[in-house]
Amino acid sequence: MMGWGGGWSGGNMFGFGLIGLVLVIVVVVLVARSWSGGTGPAGETGEDHALAILKERYARGDIDKTEFDARKRDLS
């Protein structure tokens, strides 16, 4: 006698199907990212991204103009 929730009823199979669907979506997203050429956010390359971070730190006041210019030269 199988009561409510006993055995491999439809509810359990639905849960495993949902987990399988989530795994397939994760794999598709990871493959799509790997095919995108390894660019960062908004299509930035690594160098563009580093310069964006440097500009953000300067705008926040974390670094001064001298340090900003020196690091910008290093990135170029």
C-alpha atoms as a PDB file:
ATOM      1  CA  MET A   1       0.000   0.000   0.000  1.00  0.00           C
ATOM      2  CA  MET A   2       1.406   3.276  -1.094  1.00  0.00           C
ATOM      3  CA  GLY A   3      -0.042   6.307   0.643  1.00  0.00           C
ATOM      4  CA  TRP A   4       0.367   9.934  -0.166  1.00  0.00           C
ATOM      5  CA  GLY A   5       3.998  10.680  -0.980  1.00  0.00           C
ATOM      6  CA  GLY A   6       5.048   7.045  -0.928  1.00  0.00           C
ATOM      7  CA  GLY A   7       7.227   5.473  -3.585  1.00  0.00           C
ATOM      8  CA  TRP A   8       8.178   7.128  -6.854  1.00  0.00           C
ATOM      9  CA  SER A   9       4.915   8.903  -7.459  1.00  0.00           C
ATOM     10  CA  GLY A  10       4.323  11.685  -9.945  1.00  0.00           C
ATOM     11  CA  GLY A  11       5.414  14.383  -7.503  1.00  0.00           C
ATOM     12  CA  ASN A  12       8.865  12.900  -7.093  1.00  0.00           C
ATOM     13  CA  MET A  13       9.299  12.403 -10.820  1.00  0.00           C
ATOM     14  CA  PHE A  14       8.242  16.011 -11.446  1.00  0.00           C
ATOM     15  CA  GLY A  15      10.960  17.160  -9.026  1.00  0.00           C
ATOM     16  CA  PHE A  16      13.644  15.161 -10.808  1.00  0.00           C
ATOM     17  CA  GLY A  17      12.435  16.447 -14.172  1.00  0.00           C
ATOM     18  CA  LEU A  18      12.646  20.010 -12.901  1.00  0.00           C
ATOM     19  CA  ILE A  19      16.185  19.434 -11.620  1.00  0.00           C
ATOM     20  CA  GLY A  20      17.134  17.982 -15.004  1.00  0.00           C
ATOM     21  CA  LEU A  21      15.698  20.998 -16.801  1.00  0.00           C
ATOM     22  CA  VAL A  22      17.653  23.394 -14.562  1.00  0.00           C
ATOM     23  CA  LEU A  23      20.870  21.446 -15.230  1.00  0.00           C
ATOM     24  CA  VAL A  24      20.308  21.617 -18.993  1.00  0.00           C
ATOM     25  CA  ILE A  25      19.763  25.394 -18.790  1.00  0.00           C
ATOM     26  CA  VAL A  26      22.956  25.831 -16.728  1.00  0.00           C
ATOM     27  CA  VAL A  27      24.969  23.823 -19.263  1.00  0.00           C
ATOM     28  CA  VAL A  28      23.568  25.872 -22.183  1.00  0.00           C
ATOM     29  CA  VAL A  29      24.451  29.154 -20.428  1.00  0.00           C
ATOM     30  CA  LEU A  30      27.999  27.968 -19.655  1.00  0.00           C
ATOM     31  CA  VAL A  31      28.565  26.835 -23.244  1.00  0.00           C
ATOM     32  CA  ALA A  32      27.218  30.138 -24.592  1.00  0.00           C
ATOM     33  CA  ARG A  33      29.571  32.081 -22.314  1.00  0.00           C
ATOM     34  CA  SER A  34      32.568  30.032 -23.425  1.00  0.00           C
ATOM     35  CA  TRP A  35      31.710  30.715 -27.091  1.00  0.00           C
ATOM     36  CA  SER A  36      31.425  34.452 -26.469  1.00  0.00           C
ATOM     37  CA  GLY A  37      35.195  34.895 -26.689  1.00  0.00           C
ATOM     38  CA  GLY A  38      35.922  35.383 -23.001  1.00  0.00           C
ATOM     39  CA  THR A  39      34.837  38.993 -22.825  1.00  0.00           C
ATOM     40  CA  GLY A  40      33.810  40.624 -19.598  1.00  0.00           C
ATOM     41  CA  PRO A  41      30.689  42.598 -18.804  1.00  0.00           C
ATOM     42  CA  ALA A  42      29.107  44.463 -21.731  1.00  0.00           C
ATOM     43  CA  GLY A  43      31.606  42.922 -24.181  1.00  0.00           C
ATOM     44  CA  GLU A  44      34.669  44.489 -22.557  1.00  0.00           C
ATOM     45  CA  THR A  45      38.058  42.870 -22.977  1.00  0.00           C
ATOM     46  CA  GLY A  46      40.227  42.326 -19.908  1.00  0.00           C
ATOM     47  CA  GLU A  47      42.192  45.526 -20.543  1.00  0.00           C
ATOM     48  CA  ASP A  48      39.026  47.621 -20.990  1.00  0.00           C
ATOM     49  CA  HIS A  49      37.597  46.144 -17.818  1.00  0.00           C
ATOM     50  CA  ALA A  50      40.770  46.955 -15.858  1.00  0.00           C
ATOM     51  CA  LEU A  51      40.673  50.551 -17.114  1.00  0.00           C
ATOM     52  CA  ALA A  52      37.003  50.820 -16.139  1.00  0.00           C
ATOM     53  CA  ILE A  53      37.840  49.644 -12.615  1.00  0.00           C
ATOM     54  CA  LEU A  54      40.728  52.128 -12.452  1.00  0.00           C
ATOM     55  CA  LYS A  55      38.437  54.981 -13.510  1.00  0.00           C
ATOM     56  CA  GLU A  56      35.867  53.911 -10.922  1.00  0.00           C
ATOM     57  CA  ARG A  57      38.484  53.889  -8.143  1.00  0.00           C
ATOM     58  CA  TYR A  58      39.651  57.366  -9.174  1.00  0.00           C
ATOM     59  CA  ALA A  59      36.074  58.652  -9.235  1.00  0.00           C
ATOM     60  CA  ARG A  60      35.446  57.276  -5.734  1.00  0.00           C
ATOM     61  CA  GLY A  61      38.600  58.955  -4.458  1.00  0.00           C
ATOM     62  CA  ASP A  62      40.395  55.695  -3.629  1.00  0.00           C
ATOM     63  CA  ILE A  63      43.434  56.828  -5.646  1.00  0.00           C
ATOM     64  CA  ASP A  64      44.784  60.264  -6.562  1.00  0.00           C
ATOM     65  CA  LYS A  65      45.568  61.689 -10.023  1.00  0.00           C
ATOM     66  CA  THR A  66      49.258  60.731  -9.890  1.00  0.00           C
ATOM     67  CA  GLU A  67      48.501  57.106  -9.085  1.00  0.00           C
ATOM     68  CA  PHE A  68      45.698  57.038 -11.672  1.00  0.00           C
ATOM     69  CA  ASP A  69      48.020  58.310 -14.420  1.00  0.00           C
ATOM     70  CA  ALA A  70      50.793  55.885 -13.456  1.00  0.00           C
ATOM     71  CA  ARG A  71      48.483  52.874 -13.456  1.00  0.00           C
ATOM     72  CA  LYS A  72      46.838  53.991 -16.690  1.00  0.00           C
ATOM     73  CA  ARG A  73      50.281  54.099 -18.349  1.00  0.00           C
ATOM     74  CA  ASP A  74      50.979  50.607 -17.015  1.00  0.00           C
ATOM     75  CA  LEU A  75      47.779  49.305 -18.580  1.00  0.00           C
ATOM     76  CA  SER A  76      48.513  50.860 -21.983  1.00  0.00           C
END
